[in-house]
Every structure is written in structure tokens, then in C-alpha cells.
Amino acid sequence: MMFLSELGFDNLQIKAIEKNIPKLIKEQIKNSQELVKMNISFLKDLGVKNYREAFKSYYDMFLMDNSSFTAIFAKYDRDDLIEKLEKNIAIIEHL
């Protein structure tokens, strides 16, 4: 999963992710690297500073089709969404 280093993850974060992700999901992420990159980049470009935490906590969400993934966030006011995600990343599962 070293492709995550291109997205701002350091080696310790990558190792922790690899250790904690179930094998099946890990394989799906490896097989869908471009999709995962697009979804992480979307959050990063949106301005979500804690996108790494979002990925570490909700990695399976990043396997969603990119249009579905972006549609989840597009429903909300950008600044309000970023503020809420930075205060509590767990709200991502309720979007």
C-alpha cells in the first residue's frame, strides 16, 4: 500500500493501516488503487485536513465508485462539512 505515500501518508501510518485492515479489504484496496487515490484526493482537494484519519477509520468507504463517493459530500455546504469533519471524523458514517 505504498501508493498511499503519494497522498501524504507516512511510512508509520501506512504500516498501521496495513496491520489493521482485514486481508480481504486490503486486497480490494490494492486492486483498486486508482479509485482509492481518486477518493482520497477528492477529500484532500475539498480541504479536509484530516483525510488520513478518515481513510484509517473508514477505509471501505474509499472503495466506493468515485461519483457515488463525491455525491455524498456534494450534498452539504463545503465549509460547514469541513468544519464538522475536522471536529469529529465519525460523522462521515452518517453522511
C-alpha atoms as a PDB file:
ATOM      1  CA  MET A   1       0.000   0.000   0.000  1.00  0.00           C
ATOM      2  CA  MET A   2       2.919   2.265  -0.560  1.00  0.00           C
ATOM      3  CA  PHE A   3       0.826   4.233  -3.073  1.00  0.00           C
ATOM      4  CA  LEU A   4      -0.594   5.988  -0.003  1.00  0.00           C
ATOM      5  CA  SER A   5       2.742   7.762   0.415  1.00  0.00           C
ATOM      6  CA  GLU A   6       1.877   9.737  -2.746  1.00  0.00           C
ATOM      7  CA  LEU A   7      -1.169  11.050  -0.866  1.00  0.00           C
ATOM      8  CA  GLY A   8       0.614  12.338   2.225  1.00  0.00           C
ATOM      9  CA  PHE A   9       0.677   9.213   4.396  1.00  0.00           C
ATOM     10  CA  ASP A  10       3.974   8.492   6.132  1.00  0.00           C
ATOM     11  CA  ASN A  11       5.503   5.016   6.490  1.00  0.00           C
ATOM     12  CA  LEU A  12       4.277   4.563  10.074  1.00  0.00           C
ATOM     13  CA  GLN A  13       0.714   5.406   9.068  1.00  0.00           C
ATOM     14  CA  ILE A  14       0.873   3.008   6.125  1.00  0.00           C
ATOM     15  CA  LYS A  15       2.201   0.186   8.302  1.00  0.00           C
ATOM     16  CA  ALA A  16      -0.540   0.796  10.886  1.00  0.00           C
ATOM     17  CA  ILE A  17      -3.181   0.730   8.161  1.00  0.00           C
ATOM     18  CA  GLU A  18      -1.790  -2.486   6.689  1.00  0.00           C
ATOM     19  CA  LYS A  19      -1.780  -4.065  10.132  1.00  0.00           C
ATOM     20  CA  ASN A  20      -5.370  -3.101  10.973  1.00  0.00           C
ATOM     21  CA  ILE A  21      -7.205  -3.663   7.695  1.00  0.00           C
ATOM     22  CA  PRO A  22      -8.744  -7.097   7.153  1.00  0.00           C
ATOM     23  CA  LYS A  23      -6.982  -9.115   4.458  1.00  0.00           C
ATOM     24  CA  LEU A  24      -9.936  -9.096   2.048  1.00  0.00           C
ATOM     25  CA  ILE A  25     -10.326  -5.303   2.219  1.00  0.00           C
ATOM     26  CA  LYS A  26      -6.562  -4.886   1.886  1.00  0.00           C
ATOM     27  CA  GLU A  27      -6.633  -6.890  -1.347  1.00  0.00           C
ATOM     28  CA  GLN A  28      -9.561  -4.841  -2.653  1.00  0.00           C
ATOM     29  CA  ILE A  29      -7.687  -1.629  -1.904  1.00  0.00           C
ATOM     30  CA  LYS A  30      -4.565  -2.920  -3.648  1.00  0.00           C
ATOM     31  CA  ASN A  31      -6.647  -3.950  -6.665  1.00  0.00           C
ATOM     32  CA  SER A  32      -8.451  -0.598  -6.732  1.00  0.00           C
ATOM     33  CA  GLN A  33      -5.539   1.755  -6.081  1.00  0.00           C
ATOM     34  CA  GLU A  34      -6.604   4.309  -8.688  1.00  0.00           C
ATOM     35  CA  LEU A  35     -10.131   4.504  -7.287  1.00  0.00           C
ATOM     36  CA  VAL A  36      -8.855   4.841  -3.725  1.00  0.00           C
ATOM     37  CA  LYS A  37      -6.434   7.550  -4.861  1.00  0.00           C
ATOM     38  CA  MET A  38      -9.247   9.462  -6.579  1.00  0.00           C
ATOM     39  CA  ASN A  39     -11.460   9.316  -3.489  1.00  0.00           C
ATOM     40  CA  ILE A  40      -8.699  10.321  -1.084  1.00  0.00           C
ATOM     41  CA  SER A  41      -7.630  13.107  -3.452  1.00  0.00           C
ATOM     42  CA  PHE A  42     -11.214  14.342  -3.597  1.00  0.00           C
ATOM     43  CA  LEU A  43     -11.325  14.792   0.195  1.00  0.00           C
ATOM     44  CA  LYS A  44      -7.858  16.312   0.188  1.00  0.00           C
ATOM     45  CA  ASP A  45      -8.780  18.765  -2.597  1.00  0.00           C
ATOM     46  CA  LEU A  46     -12.054  19.572  -0.861  1.00  0.00           C
ATOM     47  CA  GLY A  47      -9.988  20.870   2.040  1.00  0.00           C
ATOM     48  CA  VAL A  48     -10.499  18.090   4.579  1.00  0.00           C
ATOM     49  CA  LYS A  49      -7.252  18.209   6.539  1.00  0.00           C
ATOM     50  CA  ASN A  50      -7.890  15.003   8.468  1.00  0.00           C
ATOM     51  CA  TYR A  51      -8.469  12.895   5.336  1.00  0.00           C
ATOM     52  CA  ARG A  52      -5.831  10.415   6.551  1.00  0.00           C
ATOM     53  CA  GLU A  53      -7.835   9.804   9.705  1.00  0.00           C
ATOM     54  CA  ALA A  54     -10.959   9.355   7.567  1.00  0.00           C
ATOM     55  CA  PHE A  55      -9.208   6.724   5.484  1.00  0.00           C
ATOM     56  CA  LYS A  56      -7.777   4.907   8.510  1.00  0.00           C
ATOM     57  CA  SER A  57     -11.207   4.751  10.125  1.00  0.00           C
ATOM     58  CA  TYR A  58     -13.460   4.193   7.102  1.00  0.00           C
ATOM     59  CA  TYR A  59     -11.190   2.571   4.514  1.00  0.00           C
ATOM     60  CA  ASP A  60     -14.012   0.532   2.978  1.00  0.00           C
ATOM     61  CA  MET A  61     -15.836   3.746   2.076  1.00  0.00           C
ATOM     62  CA  PHE A  62     -12.949   4.689  -0.201  1.00  0.00           C
ATOM     63  CA  LEU A  63     -13.732   1.654  -2.373  1.00  0.00           C
ATOM     64  CA  MET A  64     -16.990   3.275  -3.489  1.00  0.00           C
ATOM     65  CA  ASP A  65     -17.396   4.376  -7.082  1.00  0.00           C
ATOM     66  CA  ASN A  66     -15.948   7.891  -7.334  1.00  0.00           C
ATOM     67  CA  SER A  67     -19.181   9.502  -8.498  1.00  0.00           C
ATOM     68  CA  SER A  68     -21.071   7.969  -5.566  1.00  0.00           C
ATOM     69  CA  PHE A  69     -18.304   8.966  -3.180  1.00  0.00           C
ATOM     70  CA  THR A  70     -18.265  12.591  -4.320  1.00  0.00           C
ATOM     71  CA  ALA A  71     -22.080  12.767  -4.343  1.00  0.00           C
ATOM     72  CA  ILE A  72     -22.120  12.000  -0.605  1.00  0.00           C
ATOM     73  CA  PHE A  73     -20.134  15.140   0.137  1.00  0.00           C
ATOM     74  CA  ALA A  74     -21.623  17.369  -2.554  1.00  0.00           C
ATOM     75  CA  LYS A  75     -24.954  17.460  -0.716  1.00  0.00           C
ATOM     76  CA  TYR A  76     -23.513  19.660   2.015  1.00  0.00           C
ATOM     77  CA  ASP A  77     -22.133  23.156   2.300  1.00  0.00           C
ATOM     78  CA  ARG A  78     -18.383  22.747   1.784  1.00  0.00           C
ATOM     79  CA  ASP A  79     -17.167  24.942   4.647  1.00  0.00           C
ATOM     80  CA  ASP A  80     -19.699  23.560   7.120  1.00  0.00           C
ATOM     81  CA  LEU A  81     -18.844  19.998   6.119  1.00  0.00           C
ATOM     82  CA  ILE A  82     -15.095  20.548   6.504  1.00  0.00           C
ATOM     83  CA  GLU A  83     -15.587  22.137   9.910  1.00  0.00           C
ATOM     84  CA  LYS A  84     -17.749  19.253  11.128  1.00  0.00           C
ATOM     85  CA  LEU A  85     -15.384  16.588   9.780  1.00  0.00           C
ATOM     86  CA  GLU A  86     -12.412  18.253  11.429  1.00  0.00           C
ATOM     87  CA  LYS A  87     -14.206  18.355  14.781  1.00  0.00           C
ATOM     88  CA  ASN A  88     -15.473  14.776  14.565  1.00  0.00           C
ATOM     89  CA  ILE A  89     -14.476  12.483  11.712  1.00  0.00           C
ATOM     90  CA  ALA A  90     -17.049   9.923  12.892  1.00  0.00           C
ATOM     91  CA  ILE A  91     -19.841  11.960  11.313  1.00  0.00           C
ATOM     92  CA  ILE A  92     -18.592  10.686   7.965  1.00  0.00           C
ATOM     93  CA  GLU A  93     -20.542   7.469   8.525  1.00  0.00           C
ATOM     94  CA  HIS A  94     -23.780   9.463   8.871  1.00  0.00           C
ATOM     95  CA  LEU A  95     -23.464  11.420   5.631  1.00  0.00           C
END
